[in-house]
Amino acid sequence: MTRAEERTIVKAEHVNGGAGYILKEALLQKEELGEHCRMFTRVTIPARCGLGYHEHHGETETYYILSGRGVYNDNGTEVPAEAGDVFFCKSSAGHGLVNTGDYDLSFVALILGTGEN
């Protein structure tokens, strides 16, 4: 368990070649993630910033959009993204997300190992 006031927010610049920066807030401590979970994090992308396109191998990543608007790159296909949308990137595929709105875009990111290499 973590409480909001206990969590740390980390600023990361030009993630995967994306514009500007993102803010990452780990929702569980590393020891709480378990064997197959690599990340369970709230990510905030400010206006005109983005998380660059990247691939996953031996793991999947899911984004649950909480607020804001953007464009999700689904393995080379651009798809509008808004609150309530869920995007899934399977192993051996790629994705990215750009904030095209005027306000922060926030989402929960979950990375799970598939057991394959």
Protein backbone atom coordinates (compact mmCIF):
# COMPACT_ATOMS: atom_id res chain seq x y z
CA MET A 1 0.00 0.00 0.00
CA THR A 2 1.08 3.54 -0.66
CA ARG A 3 -0.60 6.78 0.31
CA ALA A 4 -0.60 9.82 -1.96
CA GLU A 5 1.50 11.91 0.40
CA GLU A 6 4.16 9.16 0.58
CA ARG A 7 4.73 8.76 -3.16
CA THR A 8 7.49 10.52 -5.06
CA ILE A 9 7.00 12.11 -8.48
CA VAL A 10 9.99 11.80 -10.80
CA LYS A 11 10.53 14.08 -13.81
CA ALA A 12 11.99 12.35 -16.87
CA GLU A 13 13.03 14.34 -19.96
CA HIS A 14 12.76 13.25 -23.60
CA VAL A 15 11.65 9.70 -22.72
CA ASN A 16 12.19 7.39 -25.70
CA GLY A 17 12.94 10.47 -27.80
CA GLY A 18 9.65 12.19 -26.94
CA ALA A 19 9.24 15.95 -26.73
CA GLY A 20 9.60 17.71 -23.38
CA TYR A 21 9.17 15.68 -20.23
CA ILE A 22 6.85 13.35 -18.34
CA LEU A 23 6.16 12.91 -14.62
CA LYS A 24 6.14 9.39 -13.15
CA GLU A 25 4.53 8.43 -9.84
CA ALA A 26 5.07 4.78 -8.84
CA LEU A 27 1.82 3.51 -7.30
CA LEU A 28 3.40 0.49 -5.60
CA GLN A 29 6.83 -0.05 -4.09
CA LYS A 30 9.18 -2.31 -6.07
CA GLU A 31 8.85 -5.12 -3.54
CA GLU A 32 5.04 -5.00 -3.91
CA LEU A 33 5.05 -5.45 -7.69
CA GLY A 34 5.52 -9.21 -7.62
CA GLU A 35 7.37 -11.50 -9.98
CA HIS A 36 5.72 -10.54 -13.28
CA CYS A 37 4.88 -6.86 -12.79
CA ARG A 38 7.65 -4.47 -13.79
CA MET A 39 5.73 -1.20 -13.47
CA PHE A 40 2.45 0.14 -12.07
CA THR A 41 2.75 3.91 -12.39
CA ARG A 42 0.70 7.04 -12.91
CA VAL A 43 2.24 9.03 -15.76
CA THR A 44 1.47 12.67 -16.53
CA ILE A 45 2.37 14.23 -19.87
CA PRO A 46 2.15 18.05 -19.92
CA ALA A 47 0.72 19.88 -22.94
CA ARG A 48 2.89 19.63 -26.08
CA CYS A 49 5.03 16.88 -24.55
CA GLY A 50 5.15 13.20 -25.40
CA LEU A 51 6.35 9.73 -24.60
CA GLY A 52 8.30 8.61 -27.68
CA TYR A 53 7.63 5.46 -29.66
CA HIS A 54 9.25 2.37 -28.14
CA GLU A 55 8.92 -1.40 -28.38
CA HIS A 56 8.33 -4.08 -25.76
CA HIS A 57 9.90 -7.52 -25.87
CA GLY A 58 9.07 -10.18 -23.29
CA GLU A 59 6.49 -7.90 -21.70
CA THR A 60 3.23 -6.08 -22.38
CA GLU A 61 2.19 -2.56 -21.47
CA THR A 62 -1.31 -1.22 -20.87
CA TYR A 63 -2.29 2.46 -20.63
CA TYR A 64 -5.54 3.50 -18.93
CA ILE A 65 -6.16 7.16 -19.78
CA LEU A 66 -7.42 9.11 -16.75
CA SER A 67 -7.59 12.65 -18.13
CA GLY A 68 -6.59 14.79 -21.07
CA ARG A 69 -6.38 14.21 -24.82
CA GLY A 70 -3.67 12.99 -27.10
CA VAL A 71 -2.62 10.73 -29.93
CA TYR A 72 -1.58 7.13 -29.22
CA ASN A 73 0.84 5.49 -31.65
CA ASP A 74 -0.34 1.88 -31.86
CA ASN A 75 2.53 0.09 -33.58
CA GLY A 76 2.65 2.77 -36.29
CA THR A 77 -1.06 3.65 -36.44
CA GLU A 78 -2.12 6.93 -34.81
CA VAL A 79 -5.31 6.75 -32.72
CA PRO A 80 -7.03 9.58 -30.78
CA ALA A 81 -6.74 9.07 -27.00
CA GLU A 82 -8.97 10.49 -24.27
CA ALA A 83 -10.13 9.78 -20.73
CA GLY A 84 -11.57 6.29 -20.33
CA ASP A 85 -9.62 4.73 -23.21
CA VAL A 86 -7.44 1.68 -22.60
CA PHE A 87 -4.54 0.84 -24.92
CA PHE A 88 -2.67 -2.48 -24.92
CA CYS A 89 0.79 -3.02 -26.41
CA LYS A 90 1.64 -6.68 -26.83
CA SER A 91 5.13 -8.14 -26.71
CA SER A 92 7.16 -7.51 -29.89
CA ALA A 93 5.06 -4.43 -30.72
CA GLY A 94 5.57 -0.72 -30.10
CA HIS A 95 3.71 2.36 -28.98
CA GLY A 96 3.98 6.00 -27.89
CA LEU A 97 1.71 8.80 -26.68
CA VAL A 98 1.68 12.55 -27.35
CA ASN A 99 -0.38 15.14 -25.48
CA THR A 100 -2.19 17.21 -28.12
CA GLY A 101 -4.41 19.05 -25.64
CA ASP A 102 -4.00 22.22 -23.61
CA TYR A 103 -3.99 20.42 -20.24
CA ASP A 104 -2.08 17.52 -18.68
CA LEU A 105 -2.71 14.04 -20.05
CA SER A 106 -2.61 11.50 -17.23
CA PHE A 107 -2.72 7.70 -17.38
CA VAL A 108 -1.90 4.56 -15.44
CA ALA A 109 0.79 2.40 -17.04
CA LEU A 110 1.07 -1.31 -16.24
CA ILE A 111 3.98 -3.41 -17.54
CA LEU A 112 3.71 -7.17 -17.13
CA GLY A 113 6.28 -9.79 -18.10
CA THR A 114 5.13 -12.50 -20.50
CA GLY A 115 7.72 -15.10 -19.52
CA GLU A 116 9.16 -15.08 -23.06
CA ASN A 117 12.52 -13.59 -24.05
